[in-house]
Amino acid sequence: MLVLVLLVTGCSTNSNGLKGDYTWNKGTENLYKDVSWNPITETKLSGLALTDKITENKTEKCISDYELPYLRTEGGMCGIGYWLEINENNVVTKVDSLEKLKAKFAPIDSELEAMSYVAVVTGDLYIYQDVLKGNTAGVEDGYLVNLTHNNTFGCGQHEPTGAVYKVTKEGTIENMAFEKEPLSLKPEMCVD
């Protein structure tokens, strides 16, 4: 007797129009179920008003103190710290905290600005040719940004998963939902 097992993989679209199986913060899934998602097509920093004067910098070597001020740190045991430098009239301002980012760019006035805002403080994102894989949506009380995490470090199958962030006009960022790691036949692996 021959038994065939069909394993269907891929993305399903949930009630929020997102592909994948997302877990939302309690009570928020229905709040945002009718939003219209727009694909991200612009570069990572293009939403920041001073794009031509901004550079994103990183530490050259591993950092030992994750408590030092950085917009984000990426990596496993070898962490790299990231910050922005803004050059206006030959005066360079270092933006290395969410508070400084808010002071420089809030209020957040567009989906594009919200995308850039989340991108500079969130690590291990899927980026191709400086464009993030994801979507944005305008909502009554701010903007939603759906980005894909590579899941490079830690333990698991290291399959990319999505996350939805809400950015208020005042510059507050809240993680609203995350995509469950898809079932995989790959063995679990720990990476540092």
N, C-alpha and C. Protein backbone atom coordinates (compact mmCIF):
# COMPACT_ATOMS: atom_id res chain seq x y z
N MET A 1 0.84 -1.17 0.00
CA MET A 1 0.00 0.00 0.00
C MET A 1 0.89 1.24 0.00
N LEU A 2 0.60 2.17 -0.86
CA LEU A 2 1.36 3.40 -0.99
C LEU A 2 0.57 4.53 -0.34
N VAL A 3 1.22 5.22 0.59
CA VAL A 3 0.58 6.34 1.27
C VAL A 3 1.37 7.59 0.91
N LEU A 4 0.67 8.56 0.40
CA LEU A 4 1.29 9.84 0.07
C LEU A 4 0.94 10.85 1.14
N VAL A 5 1.94 11.56 1.58
CA VAL A 5 1.71 12.64 2.53
C VAL A 5 2.04 13.93 1.80
N LEU A 6 1.09 14.81 1.76
CA LEU A 6 1.27 16.08 1.09
C LEU A 6 1.53 17.14 2.15
N LEU A 7 2.69 17.75 2.06
CA LEU A 7 3.04 18.83 2.98
C LEU A 7 2.90 20.13 2.22
N VAL A 8 1.97 20.93 2.64
CA VAL A 8 1.74 22.20 1.98
C VAL A 8 2.47 23.28 2.76
N THR A 9 3.34 23.96 2.06
CA THR A 9 4.04 25.08 2.70
C THR A 9 3.73 26.33 1.91
N GLY A 10 3.98 27.44 2.52
CA GLY A 10 3.73 28.71 1.85
C GLY A 10 3.09 29.67 2.82
N CYS A 11 2.57 30.71 2.29
CA CYS A 11 2.00 31.76 3.13
C CYS A 11 0.50 31.81 2.96
N SER A 12 -0.15 31.90 4.06
CA SER A 12 -1.59 32.14 4.00
C SER A 12 -1.81 33.60 4.36
N THR A 13 -2.90 34.14 3.91
CA THR A 13 -3.21 35.53 4.25
C THR A 13 -4.22 35.50 5.38
N ASN A 14 -3.89 36.19 6.48
CA ASN A 14 -4.79 36.20 7.63
C ASN A 14 -5.78 37.35 7.51
N SER A 15 -6.58 37.54 8.54
CA SER A 15 -7.64 38.56 8.48
C SER A 15 -7.09 39.97 8.39
N ASN A 16 -5.79 40.15 8.62
CA ASN A 16 -5.20 41.48 8.53
C ASN A 16 -4.57 41.74 7.17
N GLY A 17 -4.69 40.79 6.24
CA GLY A 17 -4.09 40.98 4.93
C GLY A 17 -2.61 40.69 4.90
N LEU A 18 -2.05 40.22 6.00
CA LEU A 18 -0.63 39.88 6.05
C LEU A 18 -0.47 38.41 5.70
N LYS A 19 0.62 38.09 5.03
CA LYS A 19 0.90 36.69 4.73
C LYS A 19 1.58 36.08 5.94
N GLY A 20 1.14 34.89 6.33
CA GLY A 20 1.74 34.21 7.47
C GLY A 20 0.77 34.11 8.63
N ASP A 21 1.24 33.46 9.69
CA ASP A 21 0.43 33.22 10.89
C ASP A 21 0.93 34.15 12.00
N TYR A 22 0.24 35.27 12.19
CA TYR A 22 0.67 36.27 13.15
C TYR A 22 -0.09 36.15 14.47
N THR A 23 0.62 36.40 15.55
CA THR A 23 0.02 36.50 16.88
C THR A 23 0.04 37.98 17.26
N TRP A 24 -1.15 38.54 17.50
CA TRP A 24 -1.29 39.95 17.81
C TRP A 24 -1.39 40.19 19.30
N ASN A 25 -1.00 41.38 19.73
CA ASN A 25 -1.23 41.77 21.12
C ASN A 25 -2.73 41.66 21.38
N LYS A 26 -3.05 41.28 22.58
CA LYS A 26 -4.46 41.05 22.94
C LYS A 26 -5.35 42.23 22.54
N GLY A 27 -6.40 41.91 21.80
CA GLY A 27 -7.40 42.90 21.44
C GLY A 27 -7.06 43.78 20.26
N THR A 28 -5.92 43.56 19.60
CA THR A 28 -5.55 44.47 18.51
C THR A 28 -5.78 43.89 17.12
N GLU A 29 -5.93 42.58 16.99
CA GLU A 29 -6.07 41.99 15.65
C GLU A 29 -7.26 42.56 14.90
N ASN A 30 -8.40 42.63 15.53
CA ASN A 30 -9.58 43.16 14.86
C ASN A 30 -9.51 44.67 14.65
N LEU A 31 -8.74 45.35 15.49
CA LEU A 31 -8.59 46.79 15.37
C LEU A 31 -7.96 47.18 14.04
N TYR A 32 -7.05 46.36 13.53
CA TYR A 32 -6.32 46.68 12.31
C TYR A 32 -6.61 45.72 11.16
N LYS A 33 -7.73 45.02 11.21
CA LYS A 33 -7.99 44.00 10.19
C LYS A 33 -8.33 44.57 8.81
N ASP A 34 -8.76 45.81 8.72
CA ASP A 34 -9.16 46.37 7.44
C ASP A 34 -8.16 47.38 6.87
N VAL A 35 -6.93 47.38 7.38
CA VAL A 35 -5.96 48.34 6.86
C VAL A 35 -5.51 47.93 5.46
N SER A 36 -5.09 48.90 4.70
CA SER A 36 -4.60 48.67 3.35
C SER A 36 -3.08 48.75 3.37
N TRP A 37 -2.44 47.61 3.14
CA TRP A 37 -0.97 47.53 3.22
C TRP A 37 -0.34 47.97 1.90
N ASN A 38 0.76 48.69 2.01
CA ASN A 38 1.51 49.16 0.85
C ASN A 38 2.92 48.57 0.92
N PRO A 39 3.41 47.98 -0.17
CA PRO A 39 4.75 47.41 -0.14
C PRO A 39 5.82 48.49 0.01
N ILE A 40 6.88 48.15 0.72
CA ILE A 40 8.02 49.07 0.87
C ILE A 40 8.83 49.01 -0.41
N THR A 41 9.04 50.17 -1.04
CA THR A 41 9.80 50.23 -2.28
C THR A 41 10.97 51.21 -2.20
N GLU A 42 11.03 51.98 -1.14
CA GLU A 42 12.08 52.98 -0.98
C GLU A 42 13.20 52.45 -0.09
N THR A 43 14.36 53.06 -0.15
CA THR A 43 15.50 52.62 0.66
C THR A 43 15.26 52.88 2.14
N LYS A 44 16.03 52.18 2.93
CA LYS A 44 15.87 52.16 4.39
C LYS A 44 15.81 53.55 5.04
N LEU A 45 16.66 54.46 4.63
CA LEU A 45 16.73 55.79 5.26
C LEU A 45 15.93 56.86 4.51
N SER A 46 15.26 56.49 3.43
CA SER A 46 14.61 57.49 2.57
C SER A 46 13.47 58.25 3.25
N GLY A 47 12.93 57.75 4.33
CA GLY A 47 11.85 58.44 5.02
C GLY A 47 12.31 59.52 5.99
N LEU A 48 13.59 59.61 6.21
CA LEU A 48 14.09 60.63 7.14
C LEU A 48 14.34 61.91 6.36
N ALA A 49 13.83 63.01 6.84
CA ALA A 49 13.82 64.28 6.11
C ALA A 49 15.20 64.75 5.67
N LEU A 50 16.22 64.40 6.40
CA LEU A 50 17.57 64.88 6.09
C LEU A 50 18.42 63.80 5.43
N THR A 51 17.81 62.96 4.61
CA THR A 51 18.47 61.79 4.05
C THR A 51 19.82 62.10 3.44
N ASP A 52 19.93 63.19 2.72
CA ASP A 52 21.19 63.52 2.06
C ASP A 52 22.29 63.92 3.06
N LYS A 53 21.93 64.15 4.31
CA LYS A 53 22.90 64.58 5.31
C LYS A 53 23.13 63.52 6.39
N ILE A 54 22.51 62.33 6.22
CA ILE A 54 22.56 61.29 7.24
C ILE A 54 23.45 60.15 6.79
N THR A 55 24.28 59.67 7.71
CA THR A 55 25.01 58.43 7.48
C THR A 55 24.72 57.51 8.66
N GLU A 56 24.61 56.23 8.35
CA GLU A 56 24.46 55.24 9.41
C GLU A 56 25.83 54.64 9.66
N ASN A 57 26.26 54.68 10.90
CA ASN A 57 27.58 54.18 11.26
C ASN A 57 27.47 53.01 12.21
N LYS A 58 28.56 52.25 12.29
CA LYS A 58 28.60 51.11 13.20
C LYS A 58 30.00 50.97 13.79
N THR A 59 30.06 50.29 14.90
CA THR A 59 31.35 50.05 15.53
C THR A 59 32.17 49.16 14.61
N GLU A 60 33.48 49.34 14.64
CA GLU A 60 34.35 48.55 13.77
C GLU A 60 34.64 47.18 14.36
N LYS A 61 34.59 47.08 15.66
CA LYS A 61 34.88 45.81 16.34
C LYS A 61 33.70 45.44 17.22
N CYS A 62 33.74 44.23 17.72
CA CYS A 62 32.70 43.76 18.64
C CYS A 62 32.65 44.67 19.86
N ILE A 63 31.45 44.91 20.32
CA ILE A 63 31.32 45.70 21.54
C ILE A 63 31.14 44.75 22.72
N SER A 64 31.69 45.14 23.83
CA SER A 64 31.57 44.29 25.02
C SER A 64 30.48 44.80 25.95
N ASP A 65 30.11 46.04 25.79
CA ASP A 65 29.11 46.63 26.68
C ASP A 65 27.87 47.01 25.87
N TYR A 66 26.84 46.18 25.95
CA TYR A 66 25.60 46.44 25.22
C TYR A 66 24.82 47.60 25.84
N GLU A 67 25.26 48.11 26.96
CA GLU A 67 24.56 49.21 27.64
C GLU A 67 24.96 50.57 27.09
N LEU A 68 26.03 50.64 26.28
CA LEU A 68 26.42 51.92 25.72
C LEU A 68 25.32 52.40 24.78
N PRO A 69 25.22 53.71 24.57
CA PRO A 69 24.12 54.20 23.75
C PRO A 69 24.32 53.89 22.26
N TYR A 70 23.39 53.13 21.73
CA TYR A 70 23.30 52.84 20.31
C TYR A 70 21.82 52.82 19.95
N LEU A 71 21.51 53.11 18.70
CA LEU A 71 20.12 52.97 18.25
C LEU A 71 19.72 51.51 18.25
N ARG A 72 20.67 50.64 17.89
CA ARG A 72 20.42 49.20 17.93
C ARG A 72 21.77 48.49 17.98
N THR A 73 21.73 47.26 18.43
CA THR A 73 22.90 46.38 18.35
C THR A 73 22.47 45.14 17.58
N GLU A 74 23.39 44.61 16.81
CA GLU A 74 23.13 43.41 16.03
C GLU A 74 24.27 42.44 16.25
N GLY A 75 23.94 41.16 16.12
CA GLY A 75 24.96 40.12 16.23
C GLY A 75 24.71 39.26 17.44
N GLY A 76 25.49 38.21 17.52
CA GLY A 76 25.40 37.30 18.64
C GLY A 76 26.43 37.69 19.69
N MET A 77 27.39 36.83 19.88
CA MET A 77 28.43 37.12 20.87
C MET A 77 29.29 38.31 20.45
N CYS A 78 29.36 38.57 19.16
CA CYS A 78 30.09 39.72 18.64
C CYS A 78 29.08 40.78 18.24
N GLY A 79 28.69 41.61 19.19
CA GLY A 79 27.69 42.63 18.92
C GLY A 79 28.30 43.84 18.24
N ILE A 80 27.55 44.40 17.31
CA ILE A 80 27.95 45.62 16.61
C ILE A 80 26.92 46.69 16.94
N GLY A 81 27.38 47.87 17.34
CA GLY A 81 26.50 48.98 17.67
C GLY A 81 26.30 49.91 16.48
N TYR A 82 25.07 50.42 16.29
CA TYR A 82 24.74 51.30 15.17
C TYR A 82 24.18 52.62 15.68
N TRP A 83 24.47 53.70 14.95
CA TRP A 83 23.94 55.02 15.24
C TRP A 83 23.89 55.83 13.95
N LEU A 84 23.22 56.96 13.98
CA LEU A 84 23.16 57.87 12.85
C LEU A 84 24.02 59.09 13.15
N GLU A 85 24.61 59.66 12.10
CA GLU A 85 25.28 60.95 12.21
C GLU A 85 24.65 61.88 11.18
N ILE A 86 24.28 63.05 11.64
CA ILE A 86 23.63 64.03 10.78
C ILE A 86 24.57 65.23 10.65
N ASN A 87 24.91 65.55 9.40
CA ASN A 87 25.83 66.66 9.13
C ASN A 87 25.02 67.82 8.57
N GLU A 88 24.83 68.84 9.39
CA GLU A 88 24.13 70.06 8.97
C GLU A 88 25.07 71.24 9.16
N ASN A 89 25.40 71.91 8.06
CA ASN A 89 26.29 73.07 8.09
C ASN A 89 27.62 72.74 8.78
N ASN A 90 28.16 71.57 8.45
CA ASN A 90 29.43 71.08 8.99
C ASN A 90 29.42 70.85 10.49
N VAL A 91 28.24 70.75 11.07
CA VAL A 91 28.11 70.36 12.47
C VAL A 91 27.50 68.96 12.48
N VAL A 92 28.23 68.01 13.08
CA VAL A 92 27.78 66.62 13.09
C VAL A 92 27.10 66.32 14.42
N THR A 93 25.87 65.81 14.32
CA THR A 93 25.10 65.41 15.49
C THR A 93 24.99 63.90 15.49
N LYS A 94 25.34 63.29 16.61
CA LYS A 94 25.25 61.84 16.75
C LYS A 94 23.89 61.49 17.35
N VAL A 95 23.15 60.62 16.66
CA VAL A 95 21.84 60.16 17.13
C VAL A 95 22.01 58.70 17.51
N ASP A 96 22.08 58.46 18.83
CA ASP A 96 22.39 57.11 19.30
C ASP A 96 21.39 56.60 20.34
N SER A 97 20.20 57.17 20.35
CA SER A 97 19.15 56.70 21.27
C SER A 97 17.79 57.03 20.67
N LEU A 98 16.78 56.31 21.13
CA LEU A 98 15.42 56.58 20.66
C LEU A 98 14.99 58.00 21.05
N GLU A 99 15.42 58.47 22.20
CA GLU A 99 15.06 59.82 22.63
C GLU A 99 15.63 60.86 21.68
N LYS A 100 16.88 60.68 21.24
CA LYS A 100 17.48 61.63 20.29
C LYS A 100 16.83 61.51 18.92
N LEU A 101 16.43 60.32 18.54
CA LEU A 101 15.75 60.11 17.27
C LEU A 101 14.40 60.84 17.27
N LYS A 102 13.66 60.71 18.39
CA LYS A 102 12.38 61.42 18.52
C LYS A 102 12.58 62.93 18.46
N ALA A 103 13.59 63.41 19.18
CA ALA A 103 13.84 64.85 19.22
C ALA A 103 14.15 65.40 17.83
N LYS A 104 14.81 64.61 17.00
CA LYS A 104 15.22 65.08 15.67
C LYS A 104 14.11 64.94 14.63
N PHE A 105 13.31 63.87 14.71
CA PHE A 105 12.40 63.57 13.61
C PHE A 105 10.90 63.58 13.93
N ALA A 106 10.51 63.51 15.19
CA ALA A 106 9.07 63.55 15.50
C ALA A 106 8.57 64.97 15.26
N PRO A 107 7.35 65.14 14.82
CA PRO A 107 6.32 64.12 14.64
C PRO A 107 6.56 63.29 13.37
N ILE A 108 6.10 62.06 13.42
CA ILE A 108 6.18 61.14 12.29
C ILE A 108 4.96 61.41 11.42
N ASP A 109 5.19 61.80 10.17
CA ASP A 109 4.11 62.29 9.31
C ASP A 109 3.78 61.43 8.10
N SER A 110 4.44 60.27 7.94
CA SER A 110 4.14 59.46 6.76
C SER A 110 4.52 58.00 7.01
N GLU A 111 3.96 57.11 6.19
CA GLU A 111 4.32 55.70 6.27
C GLU A 111 5.81 55.51 5.98
N LEU A 112 6.34 56.26 5.02
CA LEU A 112 7.75 56.15 4.67
C LEU A 112 8.64 56.55 5.85
N GLU A 113 8.27 57.63 6.52
CA GLU A 113 9.05 58.06 7.69
C GLU A 113 8.95 57.02 8.81
N ALA A 114 7.78 56.44 9.01
CA ALA A 114 7.61 55.41 10.05
C ALA A 114 8.48 54.20 9.74
N MET A 115 8.56 53.80 8.46
CA MET A 115 9.39 52.67 8.06
C MET A 115 10.85 52.94 8.40
N SER A 116 11.36 54.10 8.03
CA SER A 116 12.76 54.43 8.32
C SER A 116 13.01 54.50 9.82
N TYR A 117 12.07 55.05 10.52
CA TYR A 117 12.16 55.21 11.97
C TYR A 117 12.32 53.85 12.66
N VAL A 118 11.48 52.88 12.26
CA VAL A 118 11.57 51.53 12.84
C VAL A 118 12.86 50.84 12.38
N ALA A 119 13.23 51.03 11.12
CA ALA A 119 14.39 50.33 10.55
C ALA A 119 15.69 50.68 11.26
N VAL A 120 15.86 51.92 11.68
CA VAL A 120 17.14 52.29 12.29
C VAL A 120 17.27 51.81 13.74
N VAL A 121 16.17 51.39 14.35
CA VAL A 121 16.25 50.91 15.74
C VAL A 121 16.03 49.40 15.86
N THR A 122 15.76 48.72 14.73
CA THR A 122 15.44 47.30 14.76
C THR A 122 16.52 46.52 14.01
N GLY A 123 17.07 45.51 14.65
CA GLY A 123 18.16 44.75 14.05
C GLY A 123 17.73 43.50 13.32
N ASP A 124 18.66 42.96 12.56
CA ASP A 124 18.53 41.68 11.86
C ASP A 124 17.35 41.64 10.90
N LEU A 125 17.18 42.73 10.14
CA LEU A 125 16.08 42.82 9.19
C LEU A 125 16.51 42.33 7.81
N TYR A 126 15.56 41.80 7.06
CA TYR A 126 15.81 41.37 5.69
C TYR A 126 15.85 42.61 4.80
N ILE A 127 17.00 42.84 4.21
CA ILE A 127 17.20 44.01 3.35
C ILE A 127 17.86 43.54 2.06
N TYR A 128 17.31 43.98 0.93
CA TYR A 128 17.90 43.67 -0.37
C TYR A 128 18.11 44.99 -1.11
N GLN A 129 19.35 45.27 -1.48
CA GLN A 129 19.72 46.52 -2.14
C GLN A 129 19.19 47.73 -1.37
N ASP A 130 19.35 47.69 -0.06
CA ASP A 130 18.98 48.75 0.87
C ASP A 130 17.47 49.00 0.98
N VAL A 131 16.65 48.06 0.46
CA VAL A 131 15.19 48.16 0.59
C VAL A 131 14.72 47.03 1.49
N LEU A 132 13.96 47.38 2.50
CA LEU A 132 13.45 46.39 3.45
C LEU A 132 12.34 45.55 2.85
N LYS A 133 12.29 44.28 3.23
CA LYS A 133 11.17 43.43 2.84
C LYS A 133 10.04 43.70 3.83
N GLY A 134 8.92 44.22 3.35
CA GLY A 134 7.81 44.50 4.25
C GLY A 134 6.77 45.40 3.64
N ASN A 135 5.89 45.89 4.51
CA ASN A 135 4.76 46.72 4.12
C ASN A 135 4.52 47.80 5.16
N THR A 136 3.79 48.82 4.76
CA THR A 136 3.38 49.87 5.69
C THR A 136 1.89 50.14 5.51
N ALA A 137 1.30 50.73 6.53
CA ALA A 137 -0.12 51.10 6.47
C ALA A 137 -0.35 52.30 7.38
N GLY A 138 -1.17 53.21 6.91
CA GLY A 138 -1.59 54.32 7.74
C GLY A 138 -2.83 53.92 8.52
N VAL A 139 -2.84 54.23 9.82
CA VAL A 139 -4.00 53.96 10.66
C VAL A 139 -4.36 55.25 11.38
N GLU A 140 -5.51 55.26 12.01
CA GLU A 140 -6.02 56.47 12.65
C GLU A 140 -5.05 57.08 13.66
N ASP A 141 -4.38 56.24 14.42
CA ASP A 141 -3.51 56.74 15.48
C ASP A 141 -2.03 56.58 15.19
N GLY A 142 -1.65 56.53 13.90
CA GLY A 142 -0.25 56.43 13.55
C GLY A 142 -0.04 55.61 12.29
N TYR A 143 0.97 54.74 12.34
CA TYR A 143 1.35 53.95 11.18
C TYR A 143 1.73 52.54 11.63
N LEU A 144 1.44 51.56 10.78
CA LEU A 144 1.88 50.19 11.01
C LEU A 144 3.01 49.89 10.04
N VAL A 145 4.02 49.20 10.53
CA VAL A 145 5.16 48.81 9.71
C VAL A 145 5.37 47.32 9.90
N ASN A 146 5.26 46.57 8.82
CA ASN A 146 5.45 45.11 8.83
C ASN A 146 6.81 44.83 8.19
N LEU A 147 7.74 44.29 8.97
CA LEU A 147 9.09 44.01 8.49
C LEU A 147 9.42 42.53 8.68
N THR A 148 10.39 42.05 7.93
CA THR A 148 10.82 40.66 8.02
C THR A 148 12.15 40.57 8.74
N HIS A 149 12.19 39.75 9.79
CA HIS A 149 13.42 39.49 10.54
C HIS A 149 14.11 38.26 9.98
N ASN A 150 15.43 38.31 9.85
CA ASN A 150 16.20 37.16 9.35
C ASN A 150 16.30 36.03 10.36
N ASN A 151 16.24 36.34 11.65
CA ASN A 151 16.43 35.35 12.73
C ASN A 151 17.78 34.65 12.60
N THR A 152 18.81 35.45 12.43
CA THR A 152 20.16 34.94 12.23
C THR A 152 20.72 34.28 13.49
N PHE A 153 20.47 34.88 14.64
CA PHE A 153 21.09 34.40 15.88
C PHE A 153 20.08 33.75 16.80
N GLY A 154 20.60 32.97 17.76
CA GLY A 154 19.75 32.26 18.71
C GLY A 154 19.55 30.83 18.26
N CYS A 155 18.53 30.17 18.83
CA CYS A 155 18.26 28.77 18.51
C CYS A 155 16.94 28.66 17.74
N GLY A 156 16.92 27.80 16.75
CA GLY A 156 15.72 27.59 15.94
C GLY A 156 16.10 27.15 14.55
N GLN A 157 15.15 27.24 13.63
CA GLN A 157 15.42 26.89 12.24
C GLN A 157 15.96 28.07 11.44
N HIS A 158 15.94 29.25 12.02
CA HIS A 158 16.44 30.48 11.40
C HIS A 158 15.70 30.82 10.11
N GLU A 159 14.42 30.55 10.10
CA GLU A 159 13.56 30.95 8.99
C GLU A 159 13.14 32.40 9.21
N PRO A 160 13.09 33.21 8.17
CA PRO A 160 12.64 34.59 8.33
C PRO A 160 11.18 34.64 8.81
N THR A 161 10.90 35.59 9.69
CA THR A 161 9.54 35.79 10.20
C THR A 161 9.23 37.29 10.22
N GLY A 162 7.95 37.60 10.16
CA GLY A 162 7.52 38.99 10.15
C GLY A 162 7.19 39.51 11.54
N ALA A 163 7.17 40.81 11.64
CA ALA A 163 6.73 41.49 12.86
C ALA A 163 6.03 42.77 12.44
N VAL A 164 5.03 43.16 13.20
CA VAL A 164 4.30 44.40 12.92
C VAL A 164 4.56 45.36 14.07
N TYR A 165 5.01 46.56 13.72
CA TYR A 165 5.27 47.61 14.68
C TYR A 165 4.29 48.75 14.44
N LYS A 166 3.88 49.40 15.51
CA LYS A 166 3.04 50.59 15.40
C LYS A 166 3.90 51.79 15.80
N VAL A 167 3.87 52.81 14.97
CA VAL A 167 4.61 54.04 15.24
C VAL A 167 3.59 55.15 15.39
N THR A 168 3.60 55.81 16.54
CA THR A 168 2.69 56.94 16.75
C THR A 168 3.31 58.19 16.14
N LYS A 169 2.51 59.19 15.95
CA LYS A 169 3.01 60.46 15.41
C LYS A 169 4.06 61.07 16.34
N GLU A 170 3.97 60.77 17.63
CA GLU A 170 4.94 61.29 18.60
C GLU A 170 6.26 60.53 18.58
N GLY A 171 6.32 59.40 17.85
CA GLY A 171 7.57 58.65 17.74
C GLY A 171 7.70 57.46 18.66
N THR A 172 6.62 57.05 19.28
CA THR A 172 6.65 55.84 20.11
C THR A 172 6.52 54.62 19.20
N ILE A 173 7.32 53.60 19.48
CA ILE A 173 7.27 52.36 18.70
C ILE A 173 6.80 51.24 19.61
N GLU A 174 5.81 50.49 19.12
CA GLU A 174 5.28 49.37 19.89
C GLU A 174 5.22 48.14 18.99
N ASN A 175 5.69 47.00 19.50
CA ASN A 175 5.58 45.75 18.77
C ASN A 175 4.15 45.25 18.92
N MET A 176 3.42 45.16 17.79
CA MET A 176 2.00 44.80 17.82
C MET A 176 1.75 43.32 17.55
N ALA A 177 2.58 42.70 16.72
CA ALA A 177 2.35 41.31 16.33
C ALA A 177 3.64 40.69 15.84
N PHE A 178 3.70 39.38 15.93
CA PHE A 178 4.85 38.66 15.38
C PHE A 178 4.35 37.41 14.66
N GLU A 179 5.08 37.04 13.65
CA GLU A 179 4.73 35.85 12.88
C GLU A 179 5.34 34.64 13.54
N LYS A 180 4.55 33.60 13.69
CA LYS A 180 5.07 32.36 14.26
C LYS A 180 6.03 31.75 13.26
N GLU A 181 7.11 31.15 13.79
CA GLU A 181 8.08 30.50 12.91
C GLU A 181 7.38 29.35 12.21
N PRO A 182 7.51 29.28 10.88
CA PRO A 182 6.83 28.22 10.14
C PRO A 182 7.38 26.84 10.50
N LEU A 183 6.52 25.84 10.37
CA LEU A 183 6.98 24.47 10.59
C LEU A 183 8.04 24.15 9.55
N SER A 184 9.08 23.49 9.98
CA SER A 184 10.17 23.18 9.09
C SER A 184 10.73 21.80 9.40
N LEU A 185 11.21 21.15 8.41
CA LEU A 185 11.86 19.86 8.59
C LEU A 185 13.35 20.04 8.87
N LYS A 186 13.82 21.27 8.80
CA LYS A 186 15.23 21.53 9.07
C LYS A 186 15.50 21.32 10.56
N PRO A 187 16.69 20.84 10.91
CA PRO A 187 17.02 20.65 12.33
C PRO A 187 17.24 22.01 13.01
N GLU A 188 16.93 22.06 14.29
CA GLU A 188 17.15 23.28 15.06
C GLU A 188 18.65 23.47 15.22
N MET A 189 19.07 24.73 15.13
CA MET A 189 20.49 25.03 15.23
C MET A 189 20.64 26.31 16.07
N CYS A 190 21.68 26.34 16.89
CA CYS A 190 21.96 27.53 17.70
C CYS A 190 23.15 28.27 17.10
N VAL A 191 22.98 29.59 16.89
CA VAL A 191 24.02 30.40 16.27
C VAL A 191 24.31 31.59 17.18
N ASP A 192 25.57 31.81 17.47
CA ASP A 192 26.01 32.99 18.20
C ASP A 192 27.05 33.68 17.37
